[in-house]
């Protein structure tokens, strides 16, 4: 489903939880 990235979590390819 959602993948984790260095800046936080990503949902559907969009960063969530933190600003760009």
PDB file of N, CA and C in Angstrom:
ATOM      1  N   UNK A   1       0.847  -1.212   0.000  1.00  0.00           N
ATOM      2  CA  UNK A   1       0.000   0.000   0.000  1.00  0.00           C
ATOM      3  C   UNK A   1       0.879   1.258   0.000  1.00  0.00           C
ATOM      4  N   UNK A   2       1.207   1.755   1.191  1.00  0.00           N
ATOM      5  CA  UNK A   2       2.038   2.956   1.263  1.00  0.00           C
ATOM      6  C   UNK A   2       3.494   2.570   1.491  1.00  0.00           C
ATOM      7  N   UNK A   3       4.373   3.345   0.907  1.00  0.00           N
ATOM      8  CA  UNK A   3       5.801   3.072   1.057  1.00  0.00           C
ATOM      9  C   UNK A   3       6.445   4.133   1.937  1.00  0.00           C
ATOM     10  N   UNK A   4       7.539   3.765   2.588  1.00  0.00           N
ATOM     11  CA  UNK A   4       8.209   4.709   3.477  1.00  0.00           C
ATOM     12  C   UNK A   4       9.415   5.332   2.793  1.00  0.00           C
ATOM     13  N   UNK A   5       9.587   6.644   2.955  1.00  0.00           N
ATOM     14  CA  UNK A   5      10.730   7.337   2.372  1.00  0.00           C
ATOM     15  C   UNK A   5      11.476   8.116   3.444  1.00  0.00           C
ATOM     16  N   UNK A   6      12.581   8.729   3.081  1.00  0.00           N
ATOM     17  CA  UNK A   6      13.428   9.413   4.051  1.00  0.00           C
ATOM     18  C   UNK A   6      12.712  10.579   4.723  1.00  0.00           C
ATOM     19  N   UNK A   7      11.802  11.211   3.984  1.00  0.00           N
ATOM     20  CA  UNK A   7      11.110  12.375   4.531  1.00  0.00           C
ATOM     21  C   UNK A   7       9.858  11.986   5.284  1.00  0.00           C
ATOM     22  N   UNK A   8       9.530  10.697   5.280  1.00  0.00           N
ATOM     23  CA  UNK A   8       8.336  10.258   5.987  1.00  0.00           C
ATOM     24  C   UNK A   8       7.617   9.170   5.213  1.00  0.00           C
ATOM     25  N   UNK A   9       6.301   9.157   5.276  1.00  0.00           N
ATOM     26  CA  UNK A   9       5.527   8.127   4.592  1.00  0.00           C
ATOM     27  C   UNK A   9       4.937   8.676   3.303  1.00  0.00           C
ATOM     28  N   UNK A  10       4.726   7.763   2.331  1.00  0.00           N
ATOM     29  CA  UNK A  10       4.124   8.186   1.071  1.00  0.00           C
ATOM     30  C   UNK A  10       2.857   7.400   0.809  1.00  0.00           C
ATOM     31  N   UNK A  11       1.817   8.062   0.388  1.00  0.00           N
ATOM     32  CA  UNK A  11       0.557   7.394   0.101  1.00  0.00           C
ATOM     33  C   UNK A  11       0.169   7.653  -1.350  1.00  0.00           C
ATOM     34  N   UNK A  12       0.049   6.551  -2.113  1.00  0.00           N
ATOM     35  CA  UNK A  12      -0.295   6.654  -3.528  1.00  0.00           C
ATOM     36  C   UNK A  12       0.742   7.469  -4.296  1.00  0.00           C
ATOM     37  N   UNK A  13       1.989   7.467  -3.791  1.00  0.00           N
ATOM     38  CA  UNK A  13       3.052   8.192  -4.481  1.00  0.00           C
ATOM     39  C   UNK A  13       3.179   9.626  -4.008  1.00  0.00           C
ATOM     40  N   UNK A  14       2.287  10.033  -3.082  1.00  0.00           N
ATOM     41  CA  UNK A  14       2.345  11.399  -2.591  1.00  0.00           C
ATOM     42  C   UNK A  14       2.816  11.425  -1.146  1.00  0.00           C
ATOM     43  N   UNK A  15       3.719  12.350  -0.823  1.00  0.00           N
ATOM     44  CA  UNK A  15       4.258  12.470   0.530  1.00  0.00           C
ATOM     45  C   UNK A  15       3.200  12.934   1.520  1.00  0.00           C
ATOM     46  N   UNK A  16       3.066  12.242   2.639  1.00  0.00           N
ATOM     47  CA  UNK A  16       2.084  12.628   3.647  1.00  0.00           C
ATOM     48  C   UNK A  16       2.752  12.735   5.007  1.00  0.00           C
ATOM     49  N   UNK A  17       2.285  13.636   5.834  1.00  0.00           N
ATOM     50  CA  UNK A  17       2.832  13.784   7.174  1.00  0.00           C
ATOM     51  C   UNK A  17       3.866  14.892   7.231  1.00  0.00           C
ATOM     52  N   UNK A  18       4.568  15.120   6.111  1.00  0.00           N
ATOM     53  CA  UNK A  18       5.562  16.185   6.074  1.00  0.00           C
ATOM     54  C   UNK A  18       5.428  16.990   4.789  1.00  0.00           C
ATOM     55  N   UNK A  19       5.807  18.256   4.839  1.00  0.00           N
ATOM     56  CA  UNK A  19       5.713  19.110   3.657  1.00  0.00           C
ATOM     57  C   UNK A  19       6.820  18.762   2.670  1.00  0.00           C
ATOM     58  N   UNK A  20       6.713  19.281   1.468  1.00  0.00           N
ATOM     59  CA  UNK A  20       7.698  18.975   0.410  1.00  0.00           C
ATOM     60  C   UNK A  20       9.065  19.500   0.821  1.00  0.00           C
TER      61      UNK A  20
END
